């Protein structure tokens, strides 16, 4: 039985949209959903960065094309984007710490982590926090992983090959149909962890 559920697929295929829809269905079923997702930041028709948004609605910068930010301090880059590791960690690490210490099985909580990708993996504390949550016998993680294109991300591959992870590959053809299967699989994770 899986203990965690992840979706994977190329950029722009709808992984975050699917995560939001699944989260809504679970919430309406009285399952507590906590965690974060990434969201594009646009100016007109142009993407200028990414924000991290918690399920509670708090927002922080993950990456930007802003020249001012790159001049302030030395940050990591992914393509044209400058990754603000400090802002990401400030918002996400306290949340991850709280989720990793969840031990009360009577309070079903889905830990949403969207996504575990190149930008987020510049944070070593984030990697450690994800490992801690995945190893927590009470936690059920629902997250997204990028498709390997070119350079393989070892931590992403490690998650994909865990025995307790069920991986769904999102395509244009199946992204609307797999919602109910994902919800059922997450509910099965809770049943397996309560035994």
N, C-alpha and C. Protein backbone atom coordinates (compact mmCIF):
# COMPACT_ATOMS: atom_id res chain seq x y z
N UNK A 1 0.84 -1.20 0.00
CA UNK A 1 0.00 0.00 0.00
C UNK A 1 0.88 1.25 0.00
N UNK A 2 0.54 2.23 -0.83
CA UNK A 2 1.32 3.46 -0.82
C UNK A 2 1.04 4.28 0.43
N UNK A 3 2.02 5.09 0.80
CA UNK A 3 1.83 6.01 1.92
C UNK A 3 1.81 7.45 1.46
N UNK A 4 2.28 7.68 0.23
CA UNK A 4 2.35 9.03 -0.33
C UNK A 4 1.99 8.97 -1.80
N UNK A 5 1.48 10.11 -2.32
CA UNK A 5 1.06 10.19 -3.71
C UNK A 5 1.73 11.39 -4.37
N UNK A 6 2.32 11.14 -5.53
CA UNK A 6 2.94 12.23 -6.30
C UNK A 6 2.44 12.20 -7.73
N UNK A 7 2.38 13.39 -8.33
CA UNK A 7 2.09 13.51 -9.75
C UNK A 7 3.36 14.03 -10.43
N UNK A 8 3.56 13.62 -11.66
CA UNK A 8 4.69 14.09 -12.44
C UNK A 8 4.23 14.36 -13.86
N UNK A 9 5.01 15.17 -14.55
CA UNK A 9 4.68 15.52 -15.92
C UNK A 9 5.46 16.74 -16.32
N UNK A 10 5.46 17.06 -17.61
CA UNK A 10 6.23 18.21 -18.09
C UNK A 10 5.65 19.54 -17.59
N UNK A 11 6.45 20.61 -17.66
CA UNK A 11 5.95 21.94 -17.26
C UNK A 11 4.71 22.32 -18.06
N UNK A 12 3.74 22.94 -17.38
CA UNK A 12 2.55 23.43 -18.04
C UNK A 12 1.49 22.39 -18.34
N UNK A 13 1.67 21.16 -17.88
CA UNK A 13 0.71 20.09 -18.17
C UNK A 13 -0.51 20.15 -17.25
N UNK A 14 -0.39 20.86 -16.12
CA UNK A 14 -1.53 21.00 -15.21
C UNK A 14 -1.36 20.33 -13.87
N UNK A 15 -0.11 20.10 -13.44
CA UNK A 15 0.12 19.43 -12.15
C UNK A 15 -0.42 20.26 -10.98
N UNK A 16 -0.12 21.55 -10.98
CA UNK A 16 -0.58 22.40 -9.88
C UNK A 16 -2.10 22.53 -9.88
N UNK A 17 -2.69 22.67 -11.05
CA UNK A 17 -4.15 22.74 -11.15
C UNK A 17 -4.78 21.47 -10.59
N UNK A 18 -4.20 20.32 -10.93
CA UNK A 18 -4.69 19.04 -10.42
C UNK A 18 -4.54 18.97 -8.91
N UNK A 19 -3.42 19.43 -8.38
CA UNK A 19 -3.20 19.43 -6.93
C UNK A 19 -4.25 20.29 -6.23
N UNK A 20 -4.56 21.44 -6.80
CA UNK A 20 -5.59 22.31 -6.20
C UNK A 20 -6.96 21.63 -6.22
N UNK A 21 -7.31 20.99 -7.35
CA UNK A 21 -8.62 20.32 -7.46
C UNK A 21 -8.73 19.17 -6.47
N UNK A 22 -7.69 18.34 -6.39
CA UNK A 22 -7.69 17.22 -5.43
C UNK A 22 -7.83 17.76 -4.01
N UNK A 23 -7.10 18.84 -3.70
CA UNK A 23 -7.16 19.45 -2.36
C UNK A 23 -8.56 19.92 -2.03
N UNK A 24 -9.26 20.48 -3.00
CA UNK A 24 -10.65 20.94 -2.79
C UNK A 24 -11.57 19.76 -2.48
N UNK A 25 -11.41 18.68 -3.24
CA UNK A 25 -12.25 17.48 -3.01
C UNK A 25 -11.98 16.91 -1.63
N UNK A 26 -10.70 16.81 -1.25
CA UNK A 26 -10.36 16.27 0.07
C UNK A 26 -10.89 17.15 1.19
N UNK A 27 -10.76 18.46 1.03
CA UNK A 27 -11.26 19.39 2.04
C UNK A 27 -12.77 19.25 2.21
N UNK A 28 -13.49 19.09 1.09
CA UNK A 28 -14.95 18.92 1.18
C UNK A 28 -15.32 17.59 1.83
N UNK A 29 -14.35 16.65 1.87
CA UNK A 29 -14.56 15.36 2.54
C UNK A 29 -14.06 15.38 3.98
N UNK A 30 -13.80 16.57 4.48
CA UNK A 30 -13.35 16.79 5.87
C UNK A 30 -11.94 16.27 6.14
N UNK A 31 -11.12 16.28 5.11
CA UNK A 31 -9.71 15.95 5.29
C UNK A 31 -8.95 17.28 5.36
N UNK A 32 -8.10 17.42 6.36
CA UNK A 32 -7.31 18.64 6.50
C UNK A 32 -6.20 18.62 5.47
N UNK A 33 -6.10 19.69 4.69
CA UNK A 33 -5.06 19.82 3.67
C UNK A 33 -4.19 21.01 4.03
N UNK A 34 -2.89 20.77 4.14
CA UNK A 34 -1.95 21.84 4.50
C UNK A 34 -0.72 21.68 3.63
N UNK A 35 0.03 22.75 3.47
CA UNK A 35 1.23 22.69 2.66
C UNK A 35 1.31 23.89 1.75
N UNK A 36 1.89 23.70 0.56
CA UNK A 36 2.06 24.82 -0.36
C UNK A 36 2.05 24.36 -1.81
N UNK A 37 1.83 25.34 -2.69
CA UNK A 37 1.96 25.12 -4.12
C UNK A 37 2.67 26.32 -4.73
N UNK A 38 3.18 26.15 -5.95
CA UNK A 38 3.84 27.26 -6.63
C UNK A 38 2.87 27.83 -7.66
N UNK A 39 3.02 29.13 -7.88
CA UNK A 39 2.12 29.82 -8.79
C UNK A 39 2.92 30.79 -9.65
N UNK A 40 2.61 30.83 -10.92
CA UNK A 40 3.28 31.77 -11.82
C UNK A 40 2.94 33.20 -11.43
N UNK A 41 3.91 34.10 -11.62
CA UNK A 41 3.68 35.53 -11.47
C UNK A 41 3.79 36.13 -12.86
N UNK A 42 2.76 36.84 -13.29
CA UNK A 42 2.73 37.39 -14.65
C UNK A 42 2.58 38.91 -14.63
N UNK A 43 3.21 39.52 -15.60
CA UNK A 43 2.99 40.94 -15.89
C UNK A 43 2.48 40.99 -17.32
N UNK A 44 1.20 41.26 -17.46
CA UNK A 44 0.58 41.17 -18.77
C UNK A 44 0.58 39.73 -19.23
N UNK A 45 1.13 39.48 -20.40
CA UNK A 45 1.19 38.12 -20.95
C UNK A 45 2.53 37.45 -20.68
N UNK A 46 3.39 38.11 -19.92
CA UNK A 46 4.74 37.59 -19.69
C UNK A 46 4.90 37.02 -18.30
N UNK A 47 5.48 35.82 -18.21
CA UNK A 47 5.79 35.25 -16.89
C UNK A 47 7.08 35.87 -16.39
N UNK A 48 7.01 36.42 -15.16
CA UNK A 48 8.18 37.11 -14.61
C UNK A 48 8.70 36.44 -13.34
N UNK A 49 8.09 35.32 -12.95
CA UNK A 49 8.57 34.64 -11.76
C UNK A 49 7.58 33.62 -11.24
N UNK A 50 7.89 33.15 -10.03
CA UNK A 50 7.05 32.18 -9.34
C UNK A 50 6.95 32.56 -7.87
N UNK A 51 5.76 32.42 -7.30
CA UNK A 51 5.55 32.60 -5.87
C UNK A 51 5.23 31.25 -5.25
N UNK A 52 5.48 31.15 -3.95
CA UNK A 52 5.04 30.02 -3.16
C UNK A 52 3.80 30.49 -2.41
N UNK A 53 2.74 29.68 -2.44
CA UNK A 53 1.49 30.04 -1.78
C UNK A 53 1.11 28.89 -0.85
N UNK A 54 0.91 29.21 0.43
CA UNK A 54 0.48 28.17 1.38
C UNK A 54 -1.01 27.94 1.23
N UNK A 55 -1.48 26.80 1.71
CA UNK A 55 -2.91 26.50 1.66
C UNK A 55 -3.70 27.50 2.50
N UNK A 56 -3.04 28.18 3.43
CA UNK A 56 -3.71 29.21 4.23
C UNK A 56 -3.74 30.55 3.51
N UNK A 57 -3.06 30.63 2.34
CA UNK A 57 -3.10 31.86 1.55
C UNK A 57 -1.89 32.78 1.72
N UNK A 58 -0.93 32.39 2.55
CA UNK A 58 0.28 33.20 2.69
C UNK A 58 1.14 33.03 1.44
N UNK A 59 1.81 34.10 1.05
CA UNK A 59 2.55 34.11 -0.22
C UNK A 59 3.97 34.63 -0.01
N UNK A 60 4.91 34.02 -0.74
CA UNK A 60 6.29 34.46 -0.71
C UNK A 60 6.95 34.23 -2.06
N UNK A 61 8.01 34.93 -2.31
CA UNK A 61 8.70 34.83 -3.59
C UNK A 61 9.56 33.58 -3.66
N UNK A 62 9.49 32.88 -4.78
CA UNK A 62 10.36 31.74 -5.04
C UNK A 62 11.42 32.13 -6.07
N UNK A 63 10.99 32.76 -7.15
CA UNK A 63 11.94 33.12 -8.21
C UNK A 63 11.39 34.30 -8.99
N UNK A 64 12.30 35.05 -9.57
CA UNK A 64 11.91 36.23 -10.35
C UNK A 64 12.94 36.50 -11.43
N UNK A 65 12.53 37.26 -12.43
CA UNK A 65 13.46 37.72 -13.46
C UNK A 65 14.03 39.08 -13.08
N UNK A 66 13.62 39.60 -11.93
CA UNK A 66 13.99 40.95 -11.49
C UNK A 66 15.50 41.14 -11.36
N UNK A 67 16.01 42.17 -12.02
CA UNK A 67 17.44 42.49 -11.94
C UNK A 67 17.80 43.00 -10.56
N UNK A 68 16.88 43.73 -9.92
CA UNK A 68 17.17 44.28 -8.58
C UNK A 68 17.48 43.17 -7.59
N UNK A 69 16.72 42.11 -7.65
CA UNK A 69 16.92 40.99 -6.72
C UNK A 69 18.27 40.34 -6.94
N UNK A 70 18.66 40.15 -8.19
CA UNK A 70 19.94 39.50 -8.46
C UNK A 70 21.12 40.37 -8.05
N UNK A 71 20.93 41.68 -7.98
CA UNK A 71 22.00 42.57 -7.55
C UNK A 71 22.12 42.65 -6.03
N UNK A 72 21.04 42.34 -5.32
CA UNK A 72 21.04 42.45 -3.86
C UNK A 72 21.92 41.39 -3.22
N UNK A 73 21.80 40.17 -3.65
CA UNK A 73 22.60 39.09 -3.08
C UNK A 73 22.76 37.98 -4.11
N UNK A 74 23.78 37.21 -3.93
CA UNK A 74 24.06 36.13 -4.88
C UNK A 74 23.06 34.99 -4.66
N UNK A 75 22.27 34.74 -5.66
CA UNK A 75 21.28 33.68 -5.57
C UNK A 75 21.48 32.69 -6.70
N UNK A 76 20.80 31.60 -6.60
CA UNK A 76 20.87 30.56 -7.62
C UNK A 76 19.99 30.94 -8.81
N UNK A 77 20.31 30.39 -9.95
CA UNK A 77 19.54 30.66 -11.17
C UNK A 77 19.06 29.36 -11.81
N UNK A 78 17.86 29.45 -12.38
CA UNK A 78 17.33 28.39 -13.23
C UNK A 78 16.84 29.11 -14.48
N UNK A 79 17.58 28.95 -15.57
CA UNK A 79 17.25 29.69 -16.79
C UNK A 79 17.32 31.17 -16.56
N UNK A 80 16.26 31.87 -16.90
CA UNK A 80 16.22 33.32 -16.72
C UNK A 80 15.83 33.75 -15.31
N UNK A 81 15.49 32.79 -14.46
CA UNK A 81 14.97 33.12 -13.13
C UNK A 81 16.04 33.09 -12.06
N UNK A 82 15.97 34.07 -11.15
CA UNK A 82 16.82 34.12 -9.97
C UNK A 82 16.00 33.54 -8.83
N UNK A 83 16.51 32.51 -8.17
CA UNK A 83 15.78 31.83 -7.11
C UNK A 83 16.11 32.49 -5.76
N UNK A 84 15.05 32.89 -5.07
CA UNK A 84 15.21 33.54 -3.76
C UNK A 84 15.04 32.46 -2.67
N UNK A 85 16.13 31.78 -2.38
CA UNK A 85 16.10 30.67 -1.43
C UNK A 85 15.68 31.16 -0.05
N UNK A 86 16.17 32.33 0.34
CA UNK A 86 15.86 32.85 1.68
C UNK A 86 14.35 33.09 1.85
N UNK A 87 13.72 33.70 0.86
CA UNK A 87 12.27 33.95 0.92
C UNK A 87 11.50 32.63 0.95
N UNK A 88 11.91 31.68 0.11
CA UNK A 88 11.27 30.36 0.06
C UNK A 88 11.36 29.67 1.41
N UNK A 89 12.56 29.64 1.99
CA UNK A 89 12.75 28.96 3.28
C UNK A 89 11.97 29.65 4.39
N UNK A 90 11.91 30.98 4.35
CA UNK A 90 11.22 31.74 5.39
C UNK A 90 9.74 31.35 5.48
N UNK A 91 9.13 31.12 4.33
CA UNK A 91 7.71 30.76 4.31
C UNK A 91 7.48 29.27 4.51
N UNK A 92 8.30 28.44 3.85
CA UNK A 92 8.02 27.01 3.77
C UNK A 92 8.56 26.20 4.94
N UNK A 93 9.75 26.52 5.44
CA UNK A 93 10.35 25.66 6.47
C UNK A 93 9.54 25.58 7.77
N UNK A 94 8.99 26.68 8.30
CA UNK A 94 8.15 26.53 9.51
C UNK A 94 6.93 25.63 9.26
N UNK A 95 6.35 25.75 8.08
CA UNK A 95 5.21 24.93 7.69
C UNK A 95 5.61 23.46 7.62
N UNK A 96 6.74 23.18 6.98
CA UNK A 96 7.22 21.80 6.85
C UNK A 96 7.55 21.21 8.22
N UNK A 97 8.11 22.02 9.08
CA UNK A 97 8.45 21.55 10.42
C UNK A 97 7.19 21.13 11.18
N UNK A 98 6.15 21.95 11.05
CA UNK A 98 4.87 21.62 11.71
C UNK A 98 4.27 20.34 11.13
N UNK A 99 4.32 20.21 9.81
CA UNK A 99 3.75 19.02 9.15
C UNK A 99 4.53 17.75 9.47
N UNK A 100 5.84 17.87 9.61
CA UNK A 100 6.66 16.67 9.86
C UNK A 100 6.48 16.14 11.27
N UNK A 101 5.95 16.97 12.17
CA UNK A 101 5.76 16.51 13.54
C UNK A 101 4.33 16.04 13.80
N UNK A 102 3.51 15.96 12.74
CA UNK A 102 2.13 15.48 12.87
C UNK A 102 2.13 14.01 13.27
N UNK A 103 1.53 13.71 14.41
CA UNK A 103 1.48 12.31 14.84
C UNK A 103 0.07 11.86 15.22
N UNK A 104 -0.88 12.77 15.16
CA UNK A 104 -2.24 12.45 15.59
C UNK A 104 -3.03 11.85 14.42
N UNK A 105 -3.21 10.53 14.41
CA UNK A 105 -3.90 9.87 13.31
C UNK A 105 -5.39 10.20 13.24
N UNK A 106 -5.97 10.67 14.34
CA UNK A 106 -7.39 11.01 14.30
C UNK A 106 -7.60 12.29 13.49
N UNK A 107 -6.57 13.07 13.29
CA UNK A 107 -6.65 14.28 12.49
C UNK A 107 -5.99 14.01 11.14
N UNK A 108 -6.78 13.59 10.17
CA UNK A 108 -6.23 13.29 8.84
C UNK A 108 -5.70 14.57 8.21
N UNK A 109 -4.42 14.57 7.87
CA UNK A 109 -3.80 15.73 7.24
C UNK A 109 -3.02 15.30 6.01
N UNK A 110 -3.32 15.93 4.89
CA UNK A 110 -2.56 15.73 3.67
C UNK A 110 -1.54 16.85 3.58
N UNK A 111 -0.28 16.49 3.44
CA UNK A 111 0.81 17.46 3.34
C UNK A 111 1.09 17.71 1.86
N UNK A 112 0.67 18.87 1.35
CA UNK A 112 0.85 19.20 -0.06
C UNK A 112 2.22 19.85 -0.26
N UNK A 113 3.00 19.28 -1.18
CA UNK A 113 4.31 19.84 -1.53
C UNK A 113 4.38 19.95 -3.05
N UNK A 114 4.09 21.16 -3.56
CA UNK A 114 4.10 21.41 -5.00
C UNK A 114 5.05 22.57 -5.28
N UNK A 115 6.24 22.36 -5.70
CA UNK A 115 6.73 21.10 -6.17
C UNK A 115 8.09 20.83 -5.57
N UNK A 116 8.62 19.65 -5.84
CA UNK A 116 9.99 19.34 -5.44
C UNK A 116 10.80 19.35 -6.74
N UNK A 117 11.25 20.55 -7.12
CA UNK A 117 11.94 20.73 -8.39
C UNK A 117 13.27 21.45 -8.23
N UNK A 118 13.84 21.84 -9.36
CA UNK A 118 15.17 22.46 -9.36
C UNK A 118 15.26 23.66 -8.43
N UNK A 119 14.27 24.55 -8.49
CA UNK A 119 14.33 25.77 -7.69
C UNK A 119 14.29 25.46 -6.20
N UNK A 120 13.36 24.61 -5.81
CA UNK A 120 13.20 24.28 -4.39
C UNK A 120 14.40 23.50 -3.85
N UNK A 121 15.03 22.72 -4.70
CA UNK A 121 16.13 21.87 -4.25
C UNK A 121 17.44 22.61 -4.03
N UNK A 122 17.46 23.92 -4.27
CA UNK A 122 18.62 24.72 -3.87
C UNK A 122 18.68 24.86 -2.35
N UNK A 123 17.58 24.54 -1.68
CA UNK A 123 17.51 24.62 -0.22
C UNK A 123 17.78 23.26 0.41
N UNK A 124 18.92 23.14 1.05
CA UNK A 124 19.26 21.89 1.74
C UNK A 124 18.32 21.63 2.92
N UNK A 125 17.95 22.65 3.71
CA UNK A 125 16.98 22.42 4.79
C UNK A 125 15.63 21.93 4.27
N UNK A 126 15.23 22.38 3.08
CA UNK A 126 13.97 21.91 2.49
C UNK A 126 14.06 20.41 2.17
N UNK A 127 15.17 19.98 1.60
CA UNK A 127 15.37 18.56 1.29
C UNK A 127 15.25 17.73 2.55
N UNK A 128 15.91 18.17 3.62
CA UNK A 128 15.86 17.45 4.90
C UNK A 128 14.44 17.41 5.46
N UNK A 129 13.71 18.52 5.31
CA UNK A 129 12.32 18.58 5.81
C UNK A 129 11.42 17.63 5.03
N UNK A 130 11.62 17.55 3.70
CA UNK A 130 10.82 16.62 2.89
C UNK A 130 11.09 15.18 3.32
N UNK A 131 12.37 14.85 3.51
CA UNK A 131 12.72 13.49 3.96
C UNK A 131 12.05 13.16 5.28
N UNK A 132 12.05 14.13 6.18
CA UNK A 132 11.46 13.91 7.51
C UNK A 132 9.95 13.65 7.41
N UNK A 133 9.27 14.41 6.55
CA UNK A 133 7.83 14.20 6.38
C UNK A 133 7.56 12.85 5.72
N UNK A 134 8.35 12.51 4.69
CA UNK A 134 8.13 11.22 4.01
C UNK A 134 8.37 10.03 4.94
N UNK A 135 9.26 10.20 5.91
CA UNK A 135 9.56 9.11 6.84
C UNK A 135 8.63 9.08 8.04
N UNK A 136 7.81 10.13 8.22
CA UNK A 136 6.85 10.18 9.32
C UNK A 136 5.74 9.17 9.04
N UNK A 137 5.57 8.22 9.93
CA UNK A 137 4.60 7.14 9.73
C UNK A 137 3.15 7.63 9.73
N UNK A 138 2.90 8.85 10.24
CA UNK A 138 1.54 9.37 10.28
C UNK A 138 1.21 10.28 9.10
N UNK A 139 2.23 10.79 8.42
CA UNK A 139 2.01 11.78 7.36
C UNK A 139 1.64 11.12 6.03
N UNK A 140 0.76 11.80 5.30
CA UNK A 140 0.46 11.43 3.92
C UNK A 140 0.82 12.64 3.07
N UNK A 141 1.79 12.48 2.17
CA UNK A 141 2.24 13.57 1.32
C UNK A 141 1.57 13.45 -0.05
N UNK A 142 1.10 14.58 -0.55
CA UNK A 142 0.60 14.68 -1.92
C UNK A 142 1.40 15.79 -2.58
N UNK A 143 2.23 15.43 -3.56
CA UNK A 143 3.12 16.42 -4.14
C UNK A 143 3.31 16.25 -5.63
N UNK A 144 4.16 17.11 -6.17
CA UNK A 144 4.48 17.02 -7.60
C UNK A 144 5.98 16.99 -7.80
N UNK A 145 6.36 16.27 -8.84
CA UNK A 145 7.76 16.10 -9.21
C UNK A 145 7.92 16.42 -10.69
N UNK A 146 9.02 17.05 -11.07
CA UNK A 146 9.23 17.34 -12.48
C UNK A 146 9.66 16.10 -13.24
N UNK A 147 9.46 16.13 -14.54
CA UNK A 147 9.99 15.09 -15.42
C UNK A 147 11.45 15.42 -15.66
N UNK A 148 12.30 14.41 -15.60
CA UNK A 148 13.73 14.63 -15.85
C UNK A 148 13.95 14.97 -17.32
N UNK A 149 14.53 16.14 -17.53
CA UNK A 149 14.90 16.56 -18.89
C UNK A 149 16.36 16.99 -18.82
N UNK A 150 17.22 16.19 -19.42
CA UNK A 150 18.64 16.51 -19.34
C UNK A 150 19.22 16.01 -18.04
N UNK A 151 19.60 16.93 -17.16
CA UNK A 151 20.25 16.58 -15.90
C UNK A 151 19.24 15.98 -14.91
N UNK A 152 19.57 14.81 -14.39
CA UNK A 152 18.70 14.12 -13.43
C UNK A 152 18.86 14.76 -12.06
N UNK A 153 17.75 14.91 -11.36
CA UNK A 153 17.77 15.43 -9.99
C UNK A 153 17.73 14.22 -9.05
N UNK A 154 18.85 13.90 -8.39
CA UNK A 154 18.93 12.68 -7.59
C UNK A 154 17.83 12.56 -6.53
N UNK A 155 17.49 13.65 -5.85
CA UNK A 155 16.48 13.56 -4.79
C UNK A 155 15.11 13.25 -5.38
N UNK A 156 14.81 13.81 -6.55
CA UNK A 156 13.55 13.53 -7.23
C UNK A 156 13.48 12.04 -7.60
N UNK A 157 14.58 11.51 -8.12
CA UNK A 157 14.62 10.10 -8.49
C UNK A 157 14.47 9.20 -7.25
N UNK A 158 15.07 9.63 -6.14
CA UNK A 158 14.96 8.88 -4.88
C UNK A 158 13.50 8.78 -4.45
N UNK A 159 12.77 9.88 -4.55
CA UNK A 159 11.35 9.88 -4.17
C UNK A 159 10.55 8.97 -5.11
N UNK A 160 10.81 9.10 -6.42
CA UNK A 160 10.07 8.29 -7.40
C UNK A 160 10.23 6.79 -7.16
N UNK A 161 11.36 6.39 -6.60
CA UNK A 161 11.64 4.97 -6.42
C UNK A 161 11.38 4.45 -5.00
N UNK A 162 10.81 5.29 -4.14
CA UNK A 162 10.45 4.83 -2.81
C UNK A 162 9.33 3.79 -2.92
N UNK A 163 9.39 2.79 -2.07
CA UNK A 163 8.37 1.74 -2.07
C UNK A 163 7.00 2.25 -1.61
N UNK A 164 7.00 3.33 -0.82
CA UNK A 164 5.74 3.84 -0.27
C UNK A 164 5.14 4.98 -1.09
N UNK A 165 5.61 5.18 -2.33
CA UNK A 165 5.12 6.26 -3.18
C UNK A 165 4.36 5.70 -4.38
N UNK A 166 3.16 6.23 -4.60
CA UNK A 166 2.39 5.95 -5.82
C UNK A 166 2.55 7.17 -6.72
N UNK A 167 3.01 6.95 -7.95
CA UNK A 167 3.31 8.03 -8.88
C UNK A 167 2.31 8.01 -10.04
N UNK A 168 1.70 9.17 -10.28
CA UNK A 168 0.77 9.35 -11.39
C UNK A 168 1.43 10.23 -12.44
N UNK A 169 1.47 9.77 -13.68
CA UNK A 169 2.01 10.55 -14.77
C UNK A 169 0.87 11.35 -15.41
N UNK A 170 0.95 12.68 -15.35
CA UNK A 170 -0.12 13.55 -15.85
C UNK A 170 0.14 13.87 -17.32
N UNK A 171 -0.90 13.63 -18.13
CA UNK A 171 -0.85 13.96 -19.56
C UNK A 171 -2.07 14.83 -19.90
N UNK A 172 -2.06 15.42 -21.08
CA UNK A 172 -3.22 16.19 -21.52
C UNK A 172 -4.45 15.31 -21.61
N UNK A 173 -4.24 14.05 -21.98
CA UNK A 173 -5.35 13.13 -22.17
C UNK A 173 -5.97 12.66 -20.84
N UNK A 174 -5.16 12.54 -19.78
CA UNK A 174 -5.70 11.94 -18.55
C UNK A 174 -5.89 12.92 -17.39
N UNK A 175 -5.45 14.15 -17.55
CA UNK A 175 -5.40 15.05 -16.38
C UNK A 175 -6.77 15.34 -15.75
N UNK A 176 -7.84 15.23 -16.52
CA UNK A 176 -9.17 15.43 -15.95
C UNK A 176 -9.74 14.14 -15.36
N UNK A 177 -9.36 13.01 -15.93
CA UNK A 177 -9.92 11.72 -15.49
C UNK A 177 -9.25 11.14 -14.24
N UNK A 178 -8.00 11.49 -13.98
CA UNK A 178 -7.30 10.83 -12.87
C UNK A 178 -7.58 11.44 -11.50
N UNK A 179 -8.33 12.53 -11.47
CA UNK A 179 -8.62 13.20 -10.20
C UNK A 179 -9.23 12.23 -9.18
N UNK A 180 -10.27 11.51 -9.56
CA UNK A 180 -10.94 10.63 -8.60
C UNK A 180 -10.03 9.48 -8.18
N UNK A 181 -9.19 8.99 -9.09
CA UNK A 181 -8.26 7.92 -8.74
C UNK A 181 -7.22 8.41 -7.72
N UNK A 182 -6.77 9.63 -7.88
CA UNK A 182 -5.80 10.20 -6.93
C UNK A 182 -6.45 10.37 -5.56
N UNK A 183 -7.67 10.90 -5.53
CA UNK A 183 -8.38 11.09 -4.25
C UNK A 183 -8.54 9.75 -3.54
N UNK A 184 -8.96 8.72 -4.28
CA UNK A 184 -9.13 7.38 -3.70
C UNK A 184 -7.81 6.84 -3.17
N UNK A 185 -6.74 7.04 -3.91
CA UNK A 185 -5.42 6.55 -3.48
C UNK A 185 -4.97 7.25 -2.21
N UNK A 186 -5.21 8.56 -2.10
CA UNK A 186 -4.85 9.29 -0.88
C UNK A 186 -5.67 8.77 0.30
N UNK A 187 -6.96 8.54 0.09
CA UNK A 187 -7.79 7.99 1.16
C UNK A 187 -7.31 6.60 1.58
N UNK A 188 -6.87 5.80 0.61
CA UNK A 188 -6.31 4.48 0.92
C UNK A 188 -5.02 4.60 1.74
N UNK A 189 -4.25 5.65 1.49
CA UNK A 189 -3.02 5.89 2.26
C UNK A 189 -3.35 6.06 3.74
N UNK A 190 -4.42 6.79 4.02
CA UNK A 190 -4.83 7.00 5.42
C UNK A 190 -5.25 5.67 6.06
N UNK A 191 -5.97 4.86 5.32
CA UNK A 191 -6.40 3.56 5.85
C UNK A 191 -5.19 2.70 6.16
N UNK A 192 -4.22 2.69 5.23
CA UNK A 192 -3.01 1.87 5.44
C UNK A 192 -2.21 2.36 6.64
N UNK A 193 -2.15 3.68 6.83
CA UNK A 193 -1.35 4.22 7.93
C UNK A 193 -2.04 4.11 9.27
N UNK A 194 -3.35 3.88 9.27
CA UNK A 194 -4.07 3.76 10.55
C UNK A 194 -4.07 2.33 11.07
N UNK A 195 -3.53 1.38 10.29
CA UNK A 195 -3.52 -0.02 10.72
C UNK A 195 -2.36 -0.27 11.67
